[in-house]
Amino acid sequence: MADTFKFELVSPEKLLISADVRQVLVPGSEGDFTVLPNHAPVLSTLKPGLLDVIDEDGAESRIFVRGGIAEVDPLSLTVLAQQAIDLDELDKSWLAQEIANTEEDIADAKDEDRRTTAQNMLEQLKLVKSVAEAL
């Protein structure tokens, strides 16, 4: 079908998704971008954030990714994620613990780079929490 492209999401553990999709919103480190069929080639690092996937039937799913790489060509998008969590399967107690751990990391940071990295992570985790609560 000309209005879809192949999307694969891979984590260190396994291939999580391999499907034809209509579009994917990707959290690029230089800014979010939407991939559609026939997209120009792009290679981007990812910031922690949400992949917003619309499949070939129009169903939407949201997946939290903790960094990685996205490779786009006109026929496909491959995301190699450091970690990926489908928000439909999110363990809210795990998320609360991750937020607490990240707040500790901010308090314990020995330099500004580590503090900034932890603060960015905390913002992303809170975004995941707010999106998960809205579902």
Protein backbone atom coordinates (compact mmCIF):
# COMPACT_ATOMS: atom_id res chain seq x y z
CA MET A 1 0.00 0.00 0.00
CA ALA A 2 1.44 3.39 -1.00
CA ASP A 3 0.10 5.19 2.07
CA THR A 4 2.09 3.08 4.56
CA PHE A 5 5.71 2.24 5.27
CA LYS A 6 7.54 -0.44 7.26
CA PHE A 7 8.19 0.43 10.92
CA GLU A 8 10.46 -1.61 13.15
CA LEU A 9 11.12 -0.92 16.82
CA VAL A 10 14.04 -2.83 18.29
CA SER A 11 15.21 -2.85 21.91
CA PRO A 12 18.37 -4.55 23.18
CA GLU A 13 16.23 -7.55 24.16
CA LYS A 14 14.14 -8.11 21.03
CA LEU A 15 12.22 -6.88 18.00
CA LEU A 16 9.17 -5.21 19.57
CA ILE A 17 7.25 -4.06 16.50
CA SER A 18 7.46 -4.87 12.82
CA ALA A 19 4.42 -3.47 11.02
CA ASP A 20 3.14 -1.34 8.20
CA VAL A 21 2.14 2.08 9.57
CA ARG A 22 0.78 5.39 8.30
CA GLN A 23 2.93 7.68 10.43
CA VAL A 24 5.23 7.84 13.45
CA LEU A 25 6.06 10.88 15.56
CA VAL A 26 9.71 10.46 16.64
CA PRO A 27 11.39 12.26 19.61
CA GLY A 28 14.58 13.33 17.83
CA SER A 29 17.38 14.84 19.90
CA GLU A 30 17.22 17.97 17.70
CA GLY A 31 13.42 18.07 17.89
CA ASP A 32 10.42 15.85 17.28
CA PHE A 33 9.68 14.89 13.69
CA THR A 34 6.91 12.99 11.93
CA VAL A 35 7.76 10.20 9.50
CA LEU A 36 5.32 9.59 6.65
CA PRO A 37 5.60 7.37 3.54
CA ASN A 38 8.33 8.54 1.12
CA HIS A 39 10.16 10.51 3.85
CA ALA A 40 13.61 11.82 2.97
CA PRO A 41 16.50 9.78 4.42
CA VAL A 42 17.35 10.81 7.99
CA LEU A 43 19.57 9.42 10.71
CA SER A 44 18.81 10.89 14.14
CA THR A 45 19.65 10.21 17.74
CA LEU A 46 16.65 10.07 20.06
CA LYS A 47 15.94 11.85 23.30
CA PRO A 48 13.80 10.14 25.91
CA GLY A 49 10.22 10.63 24.81
CA LEU A 50 7.20 9.16 23.11
CA LEU A 51 6.89 7.43 19.78
CA ASP A 52 3.35 8.10 18.59
CA VAL A 53 2.49 5.40 16.05
CA ILE A 54 -0.55 5.30 13.77
CA ASP A 55 -0.90 1.87 12.19
CA GLU A 56 -2.34 1.05 8.77
CA ASP A 57 -5.86 0.76 10.27
CA GLY A 58 -5.61 4.17 11.98
CA ALA A 59 -5.15 2.80 15.51
CA GLU A 60 -2.78 4.86 17.65
CA SER A 61 -0.23 3.56 20.14
CA ARG A 62 2.29 5.40 22.28
CA ILE A 63 5.62 3.96 23.27
CA PHE A 64 8.10 5.55 25.65
CA VAL A 65 11.68 5.27 24.40
CA ARG A 66 14.72 6.08 26.48
CA GLY A 67 17.12 7.27 23.81
CA GLY A 68 18.45 5.44 20.80
CA ILE A 69 18.71 5.96 17.04
CA ALA A 70 16.13 6.38 14.28
CA GLU A 71 16.97 5.58 10.67
CA VAL A 72 14.51 6.72 8.00
CA ASP A 73 14.39 6.07 4.28
CA PRO A 74 11.48 6.50 1.82
CA LEU A 75 10.18 2.97 2.53
CA SER A 76 10.92 2.41 6.21
CA LEU A 77 11.69 3.64 9.72
CA THR A 78 13.85 1.63 12.09
CA VAL A 79 14.15 2.72 15.71
CA LEU A 80 16.89 1.15 17.82
CA ALA A 81 15.84 2.11 21.35
CA GLN A 82 17.89 1.81 24.52
CA GLN A 83 14.60 0.96 26.24
CA ALA A 84 11.00 0.90 24.98
CA ILE A 85 7.80 0.69 27.03
CA ASP A 86 4.33 0.47 25.51
CA LEU A 87 2.18 2.84 27.56
CA ASP A 88 -0.69 0.34 27.43
CA GLU A 89 1.56 -2.04 29.39
CA LEU A 90 3.18 0.56 31.68
CA ASP A 91 3.74 -0.46 35.30
CA LYS A 92 2.82 2.70 37.22
CA SER A 93 4.73 1.66 40.35
CA TRP A 94 7.88 1.21 38.23
CA LEU A 95 7.36 4.69 36.78
CA ALA A 96 6.93 6.22 40.26
CA GLN A 97 10.20 4.54 41.34
CA GLU A 98 12.03 5.81 38.23
CA ILE A 99 10.83 9.36 39.00
CA ALA A 100 12.04 9.05 42.61
CA ASN A 101 15.41 7.66 41.46
CA THR A 102 15.85 10.47 38.95
CA GLU A 103 15.00 13.10 41.58
CA GLU A 104 17.73 11.54 43.75
CA ASP A 105 20.14 11.69 40.80
CA ILE A 106 19.46 15.42 40.49
CA ALA A 107 20.10 15.96 44.20
CA ASP A 108 23.30 13.87 44.09
CA ALA A 109 24.70 15.27 40.82
CA LYS A 110 28.36 16.26 41.20
CA ASP A 111 28.46 18.48 38.11
CA GLU A 112 26.13 20.56 35.96
CA ASP A 113 26.15 18.13 33.00
CA ARG A 114 24.89 15.25 35.14
CA ARG A 115 22.32 17.48 36.80
CA THR A 116 21.04 18.70 33.41
CA THR A 117 20.88 15.15 32.04
CA ALA A 118 18.92 14.00 35.10
CA GLN A 119 16.59 17.01 34.92
CA ASN A 120 15.86 16.27 31.25
CA MET A 121 15.14 12.64 32.14
CA LEU A 122 12.82 13.74 34.96
CA GLU A 123 10.88 15.97 32.55
CA GLN A 124 10.47 13.05 30.15
CA LEU A 125 9.38 10.66 32.90
CA LYS A 126 6.82 13.18 34.11
CA LEU A 127 5.61 13.52 30.51
CA VAL A 128 5.17 9.75 30.31
CA LYS A 129 3.28 9.83 33.63
CA SER A 130 0.94 12.60 32.46
CA VAL A 131 0.27 10.88 29.12
CA ALA A 132 -0.31 7.53 30.84
CA GLU A 133 -2.73 9.12 33.31
CA ALA A 134 -4.65 10.76 30.45
CA LEU A 135 -5.17 7.43 28.64
